[in-house]
């Protein structure tokens, strides 16, 4: 796995919501240096969209080909 266990933190919070049902929320935190190493940090040029999105037919063809 590209991330080491000490670079990831997961928090789980649960309780009763306003409607009386139990709710659970999971938050995942990843160390910024780990994201930088993978080229995914928001301060790196590769993490920003730098061109137009592929046309709609491309997405539809990709979905058809997955089945």
PDB file of N, CA and C in Angstrom:
ATOM      1  N   UNK A   1       0.846  -1.172   0.000  1.00  0.00           N
ATOM      2  CA  UNK A   1       0.000   0.000   0.000  1.00  0.00           C
ATOM      3  C   UNK A   1       0.895   1.240   0.000  1.00  0.00           C
ATOM      4  N   UNK A   2       0.540   2.262  -0.739  1.00  0.00           N
ATOM      5  CA  UNK A   2       1.413   3.426  -0.834  1.00  0.00           C
ATOM      6  C   UNK A   2       1.443   4.274   0.439  1.00  0.00           C
ATOM      7  N   UNK A   3       0.499   4.096   1.340  1.00  0.00           N
ATOM      8  CA  UNK A   3       0.480   4.868   2.581  1.00  0.00           C
ATOM      9  C   UNK A   3       0.819   3.967   3.757  1.00  0.00           C
ATOM     10  N   UNK A   4       1.670   4.458   4.631  1.00  0.00           N
ATOM     11  CA  UNK A   4       2.022   3.713   5.833  1.00  0.00           C
ATOM     12  C   UNK A   4       0.943   3.933   6.896  1.00  0.00           C
ATOM     13  N   UNK A   5       0.736   2.970   7.776  1.00  0.00           N
ATOM     14  CA  UNK A   5      -0.311   3.095   8.801  1.00  0.00           C
ATOM     15  C   UNK A   5      -0.203   4.372   9.640  1.00  0.00           C
ATOM     16  N   UNK A   6       1.011   4.832   9.910  1.00  0.00           N
ATOM     17  CA  UNK A   6       1.160   6.041  10.727  1.00  0.00           C
ATOM     18  C   UNK A   6       0.802   7.321   9.972  1.00  0.00           C
ATOM     19  N   UNK A   7       0.602   7.229   8.657  1.00  0.00           N
ATOM     20  CA  UNK A   7       0.231   8.393   7.853  1.00  0.00           C
ATOM     21  C   UNK A   7      -1.277   8.553   7.711  1.00  0.00           C
ATOM     22  N   UNK A   8      -2.032   7.611   8.228  1.00  0.00           N
ATOM     23  CA  UNK A   8      -3.488   7.632   8.098  1.00  0.00           C
ATOM     24  C   UNK A   8      -4.117   7.608   9.477  1.00  0.00           C
ATOM     25  N   UNK A   9      -5.154   8.410   9.663  1.00  0.00           N
ATOM     26  CA  UNK A   9      -5.926   8.367  10.902  1.00  0.00           C
ATOM     27  C   UNK A   9      -7.401   8.313  10.538  1.00  0.00           C
ATOM     28  N   UNK A  10      -8.131   7.399  11.137  1.00  0.00           N
ATOM     29  CA  UNK A  10      -9.571   7.270  10.919  1.00  0.00           C
ATOM     30  C   UNK A  10     -10.279   7.504  12.245  1.00  0.00           C
ATOM     31  N   UNK A  11     -11.264   8.369  12.223  1.00  0.00           N
ATOM     32  CA  UNK A  11     -12.067   8.642  13.409  1.00  0.00           C
ATOM     33  C   UNK A  11     -13.492   8.193  13.135  1.00  0.00           C
ATOM     34  N   UNK A  12     -14.089   7.538  14.114  1.00  0.00           N
ATOM     35  CA  UNK A  12     -15.466   7.071  13.997  1.00  0.00           C
ATOM     36  C   UNK A  12     -16.279   7.688  15.126  1.00  0.00           C
ATOM     37  N   UNK A  13     -17.336   8.369  14.769  1.00  0.00           N
ATOM     38  CA  UNK A  13     -18.210   8.992  15.751  1.00  0.00           C
ATOM     39  C   UNK A  13     -19.614   8.477  15.501  1.00  0.00           C
ATOM     40  N   UNK A  14     -20.292   8.081  16.550  1.00  0.00           N
ATOM     41  CA  UNK A  14     -21.672   7.641  16.387  1.00  0.00           C
ATOM     42  C   UNK A  14     -22.529   8.188  17.521  1.00  0.00           C
ATOM     43  N   UNK A  15     -23.797   8.275  17.253  1.00  0.00           N
ATOM     44  CA  UNK A  15     -24.737   8.778  18.247  1.00  0.00           C
ATOM     45  C   UNK A  15     -26.132   8.803  17.665  1.00  0.00           C
ATOM     46  N   UNK A  16     -27.071   9.211  18.461  1.00  0.00           N
ATOM     47  CA  UNK A  16     -28.463   9.266  18.020  1.00  0.00           C
ATOM     48  C   UNK A  16     -28.704  10.610  17.350  1.00  0.00           C
ATOM     49  N   UNK A  17     -29.247  10.554  16.123  1.00  0.00           N
ATOM     50  CA  UNK A  17     -29.543  11.762  15.360  1.00  0.00           C
ATOM     51  C   UNK A  17     -30.829  12.421  15.813  1.00  0.00           C
ATOM     52  N   UNK A  18     -31.170  13.561  15.205  1.00  0.00           N
ATOM     53  CA  UNK A  18     -32.370  14.291  15.596  1.00  0.00           C
ATOM     54  C   UNK A  18     -33.664  13.503  15.362  1.00  0.00           C
ATOM     55  N   UNK A  19     -33.601  12.524  14.465  1.00  0.00           N
ATOM     56  CA  UNK A  19     -34.792  11.716  14.202  1.00  0.00           C
ATOM     57  C   UNK A  19     -34.870  10.478  15.093  1.00  0.00           C
ATOM     58  N   UNK A  20     -33.927  10.315  16.014  1.00  0.00           N
ATOM     59  CA  UNK A  20     -33.947   9.195  16.934  1.00  0.00           C
ATOM     60  C   UNK A  20     -33.213   7.960  16.446  1.00  0.00           C
ATOM     61  N   UNK A  21     -32.718   7.971  15.202  1.00  0.00           N
ATOM     62  CA  UNK A  21     -31.979   6.836  14.652  1.00  0.00           C
ATOM     63  C   UNK A  21     -30.486   7.011  14.910  1.00  0.00           C
ATOM     64  N   UNK A  22     -29.810   5.894  15.071  1.00  0.00           N
ATOM     65  CA  UNK A  22     -28.358   5.934  15.248  1.00  0.00           C
ATOM     66  C   UNK A  22     -27.684   6.351  13.951  1.00  0.00           C
ATOM     67  N   UNK A  23     -26.690   7.163  14.059  1.00  0.00           N
ATOM     68  CA  UNK A  23     -25.909   7.624  12.916  1.00  0.00           C
ATOM     69  C   UNK A  23     -24.438   7.404  13.220  1.00  0.00           C
ATOM     70  N   UNK A  24     -23.696   7.087  12.179  1.00  0.00           N
ATOM     71  CA  UNK A  24     -22.258   6.925  12.316  1.00  0.00           C
ATOM     72  C   UNK A  24     -21.548   7.729  11.242  1.00  0.00           C
ATOM     73  N   UNK A  25     -20.458   8.348  11.594  1.00  0.00           N
ATOM     74  CA  UNK A  25     -19.663   9.132  10.655  1.00  0.00           C
ATOM     75  C   UNK A  25     -18.216   8.695  10.785  1.00  0.00           C
ATOM     76  N   UNK A  26     -17.575   8.526   9.652  1.00  0.00           N
ATOM     77  CA  UNK A  26     -16.163   8.160   9.622  1.00  0.00           C
ATOM     78  C   UNK A  26     -15.404   9.276   8.914  1.00  0.00           C
ATOM     79  N   UNK A  27     -14.365   9.767   9.542  1.00  0.00           N
ATOM     80  CA  UNK A  27     -13.490  10.771   8.941  1.00  0.00           C
ATOM     81  C   UNK A  27     -12.126  10.131   8.737  1.00  0.00           C
ATOM     82  N   UNK A  28     -11.570  10.332   7.563  1.00  0.00           N
ATOM     83  CA  UNK A  28     -10.257   9.787   7.245  1.00  0.00           C
ATOM     84  C   UNK A  28      -9.303  10.957   7.014  1.00  0.00           C
ATOM     85  N   UNK A  29      -8.191  10.951   7.724  1.00  0.00           N
ATOM     86  CA  UNK A  29      -7.178  11.992   7.609  1.00  0.00           C
ATOM     87  C   UNK A  29      -5.885  11.357   7.104  1.00  0.00           C
ATOM     88  N   UNK A  30      -5.265  12.011   6.118  1.00  0.00           N
ATOM     89  CA  UNK A  30      -4.000  11.517   5.563  1.00  0.00           C
ATOM     90  C   UNK A  30      -2.962  12.623   5.715  1.00  0.00           C
ATOM     91  N   UNK A  31      -1.786  12.251   6.159  1.00  0.00           N
ATOM     92  CA  UNK A  31      -0.691  13.190   6.348  1.00  0.00           C
ATOM     93  C   UNK A  31      -0.360  13.890   5.029  1.00  0.00           C
ATOM     94  N   UNK A  32      -0.170  15.203   5.099  1.00  0.00           N
ATOM     95  CA  UNK A  32       0.117  15.994   3.902  1.00  0.00           C
ATOM     96  C   UNK A  32       1.382  15.557   3.187  1.00  0.00           C
ATOM     97  N   UNK A  33       2.397  15.141   3.936  1.00  0.00           N
ATOM     98  CA  UNK A  33       3.651  14.700   3.312  1.00  0.00           C
ATOM     99  C   UNK A  33       3.426  13.433   2.482  1.00  0.00           C
ATOM    100  N   UNK A  34       2.529  12.577   2.943  1.00  0.00           N
ATOM    101  CA  UNK A  34       2.219  11.360   2.177  1.00  0.00           C
ATOM    102  C   UNK A  34       1.513  11.715   0.874  1.00  0.00           C
ATOM    103  N   UNK A  35       0.602  12.676   0.944  1.00  0.00           N
ATOM    104  CA  UNK A  35      -0.076  13.121  -0.281  1.00  0.00           C
ATOM    105  C   UNK A  35       0.907  13.775  -1.233  1.00  0.00           C
ATOM    106  N   UNK A  36       1.844  14.529  -0.696  1.00  0.00           N
ATOM    107  CA  UNK A  36       2.861  15.176  -1.523  1.00  0.00           C
ATOM    108  C   UNK A  36       3.698  14.131  -2.247  1.00  0.00           C
ATOM    109  N   UNK A  37       4.061  13.073  -1.539  1.00  0.00           N
ATOM    110  CA  UNK A  37       4.873  12.006  -2.118  1.00  0.00           C
ATOM    111  C   UNK A  37       4.151  11.321  -3.279  1.00  0.00           C
ATOM    112  N   UNK A  38       2.813  11.236  -3.183  1.00  0.00           N
ATOM    113  CA  UNK A  38       2.025  10.574  -4.230  1.00  0.00           C
ATOM    114  C   UNK A  38       1.572  11.529  -5.331  1.00  0.00           C
ATOM    115  N   UNK A  39       1.910  12.812  -5.191  1.00  0.00           N
ATOM    116  CA  UNK A  39       1.490  13.789  -6.196  1.00  0.00           C
ATOM    117  C   UNK A  39       0.037  14.194  -6.057  1.00  0.00           C
ATOM    118  N   UNK A  40      -0.542  14.038  -4.875  1.00  0.00           N
ATOM    119  CA  UNK A  40      -1.953  14.328  -4.665  1.00  0.00           C
ATOM    120  C   UNK A  40      -2.206  15.528  -3.765  1.00  0.00           C
ATOM    121  N   UNK A  41      -1.167  16.195  -3.324  1.00  0.00           N
ATOM    122  CA  UNK A  41      -1.337  17.341  -2.428  1.00  0.00           C
ATOM    123  C   UNK A  41      -1.885  18.522  -3.215  1.00  0.00           C
ATOM    124  N   UNK A  42      -2.737  19.312  -2.588  1.00  0.00           N
ATOM    125  CA  UNK A  42      -3.399  20.424  -3.286  1.00  0.00           C
ATOM    126  C   UNK A  42      -2.438  21.519  -3.728  1.00  0.00           C
ATOM    127  N   UNK A  43      -1.222  21.549  -3.203  1.00  0.00           N
ATOM    128  CA  UNK A  43      -0.247  22.558  -3.610  1.00  0.00           C
ATOM    129  C   UNK A  43       0.630  22.091  -4.773  1.00  0.00           C
ATOM    130  N   UNK A  44       0.354  20.915  -5.299  1.00  0.00           N
ATOM    131  CA  UNK A  44       1.129  20.417  -6.429  1.00  0.00           C
ATOM    132  C   UNK A  44       0.334  20.604  -7.718  1.00  0.00           C
ATOM    133  N   UNK A  45       0.988  20.968  -8.812  1.00  0.00           N
ATOM    134  CA  UNK A  45       0.289  21.199 -10.082  1.00  0.00           C
ATOM    135  C   UNK A  45      -0.477  19.975 -10.587  1.00  0.00           C
ATOM    136  N   UNK A  46       0.018  18.781 -10.323  1.00  0.00           N
ATOM    137  CA  UNK A  46      -0.625  17.575 -10.839  1.00  0.00           C
ATOM    138  C   UNK A  46      -1.957  17.293 -10.153  1.00  0.00           C
ATOM    139  N   UNK A  47      -2.225  17.923  -9.014  1.00  0.00           N
ATOM    140  CA  UNK A  47      -3.463  17.643  -8.295  1.00  0.00           C
ATOM    141  C   UNK A  47      -4.618  18.526  -8.763  1.00  0.00           C
ATOM    142  N   UNK A  48      -4.347  19.431  -9.687  1.00  0.00           N
ATOM    143  CA  UNK A  48      -5.359  20.357 -10.176  1.00  0.00           C
ATOM    144  C   UNK A  48      -5.735  19.983 -11.604  1.00  0.00           C
ATOM    145  N   UNK A  49      -7.013  20.093 -11.921  1.00  0.00           N
ATOM    146  CA  UNK A  49      -7.463  19.839 -13.294  1.00  0.00           C
ATOM    147  C   UNK A  49      -6.872  20.918 -14.178  1.00  0.00           C
ATOM    148  N   UNK A  50      -6.171  20.496 -15.226  1.00  0.00           N
ATOM    149  CA  UNK A  50      -5.500  21.480 -16.075  1.00  0.00           C
ATOM    150  C   UNK A  50      -5.950  21.419 -17.528  1.00  0.00           C
ATOM    151  N   UNK A  51      -7.087  20.816 -17.770  1.00  0.00           N
ATOM    152  CA  UNK A  51      -7.594  20.740 -19.125  1.00  0.00           C
ATOM    153  C   UNK A  51      -9.074  20.409 -19.126  1.00  0.00           C
ATOM    154  N   UNK A  52      -9.667  20.397 -20.299  1.00  0.00           N
ATOM    155  CA  UNK A  52     -11.100  20.110 -20.369  1.00  0.00           C
ATOM    156  C   UNK A  52     -11.393  18.644 -20.049  1.00  0.00           C
ATOM    157  N   UNK A  53     -12.594  18.401 -19.591  1.00  0.00           N
ATOM    158  CA  UNK A  53     -13.032  17.041 -19.304  1.00  0.00           C
ATOM    159  C   UNK A  53     -13.284  16.308 -20.620  1.00  0.00           C
ATOM    160  N   UNK A  54     -13.092  14.995 -20.659  1.00  0.00           N
ATOM    161  CA  UNK A  54     -13.394  14.254 -21.873  1.00  0.00           C
ATOM    162  C   UNK A  54     -14.875  14.408 -22.246  1.00  0.00           C
ATOM    163  N   UNK A  55     -15.209  14.248 -23.527  1.00  0.00           N
ATOM    164  CA  UNK A  55     -16.610  14.409 -23.954  1.00  0.00           C
ATOM    165  C   UNK A  55     -17.515  13.346 -23.336  1.00  0.00           C
ATOM    166  N   UNK A  56     -18.819  13.617 -23.331  1.00  0.00           N
ATOM    167  CA  UNK A  56     -19.796  12.728 -22.729  1.00  0.00           C
ATOM    168  C   UNK A  56     -19.769  11.322 -23.299  1.00  0.00           C
ATOM    169  N   UNK A  57     -19.563  11.184 -24.604  1.00  0.00           N
ATOM    170  CA  UNK A  57     -19.562   9.852 -25.210  1.00  0.00           C
ATOM    171  C   UNK A  57     -18.424   9.002 -24.651  1.00  0.00           C
ATOM    172  N   UNK A  58     -17.310   9.651 -24.299  1.00  0.00           N
ATOM    173  CA  UNK A  58     -16.169   8.922 -23.759  1.00  0.00           C
ATOM    174  C   UNK A  58     -16.539   8.270 -22.434  1.00  0.00           C
ATOM    175  N   UNK A  59     -17.240   9.012 -21.572  1.00  0.00           N
ATOM    176  CA  UNK A  59     -17.671   8.472 -20.284  1.00  0.00           C
ATOM    177  C   UNK A  59     -18.658   7.321 -20.490  1.00  0.00           C
ATOM    178  N   UNK A  60     -19.603   7.506 -21.425  1.00  0.00           N
ATOM    179  CA  UNK A  60     -20.589   6.457 -21.681  1.00  0.00           C
ATOM    180  C   UNK A  60     -19.913   5.197 -22.214  1.00  0.00           C
ATOM    181  N   UNK A  61     -18.946   5.346 -23.103  1.00  0.00           N
ATOM    182  CA  UNK A  61     -18.230   4.184 -23.646  1.00  0.00           C
ATOM    183  C   UNK A  61     -17.438   3.476 -22.553  1.00  0.00           C
ATOM    184  N   UNK A  62     -16.837   4.243 -21.659  1.00  0.00           N
ATOM    185  CA  UNK A  62     -16.072   3.647 -20.571  1.00  0.00           C
ATOM    186  C   UNK A  62     -16.989   2.843 -19.663  1.00  0.00           C
ATOM    187  N   UNK A  63     -18.176   3.366 -19.377  1.00  0.00           N
ATOM    188  CA  UNK A  63     -19.123   2.627 -18.531  1.00  0.00           C
ATOM    189  C   UNK A  63     -19.625   1.373 -19.229  1.00  0.00           C
ATOM    190  N   UNK A  64     -19.873   1.451 -20.523  1.00  0.00           N
ATOM    191  CA  UNK A  64     -20.322   0.252 -21.266  1.00  0.00           C
ATOM    192  C   UNK A  64     -19.257  -0.828 -21.254  1.00  0.00           C
ATOM    193  N   UNK A  65     -18.013  -0.431 -21.373  1.00  0.00           N
ATOM    194  CA  UNK A  65     -16.917  -1.399 -21.452  1.00  0.00           C
ATOM    195  C   UNK A  65     -16.587  -2.049 -20.113  1.00  0.00           C
ATOM    196  N   UNK A  66     -17.094  -1.536 -19.006  1.00  0.00           N
ATOM    197  CA  UNK A  66     -16.813  -2.135 -17.709  1.00  0.00           C
ATOM    198  C   UNK A  66     -17.687  -3.350 -17.444  1.00  0.00           C
ATOM    199  N   UNK A  67     -18.761  -3.502 -18.182  1.00  0.00           N
ATOM    200  CA  UNK A  67     -19.702  -4.606 -17.924  1.00  0.00           C
ATOM    201  C   UNK A  67     -19.386  -5.795 -18.748  1.00  0.00           C
TER     202      UNK A  67
END
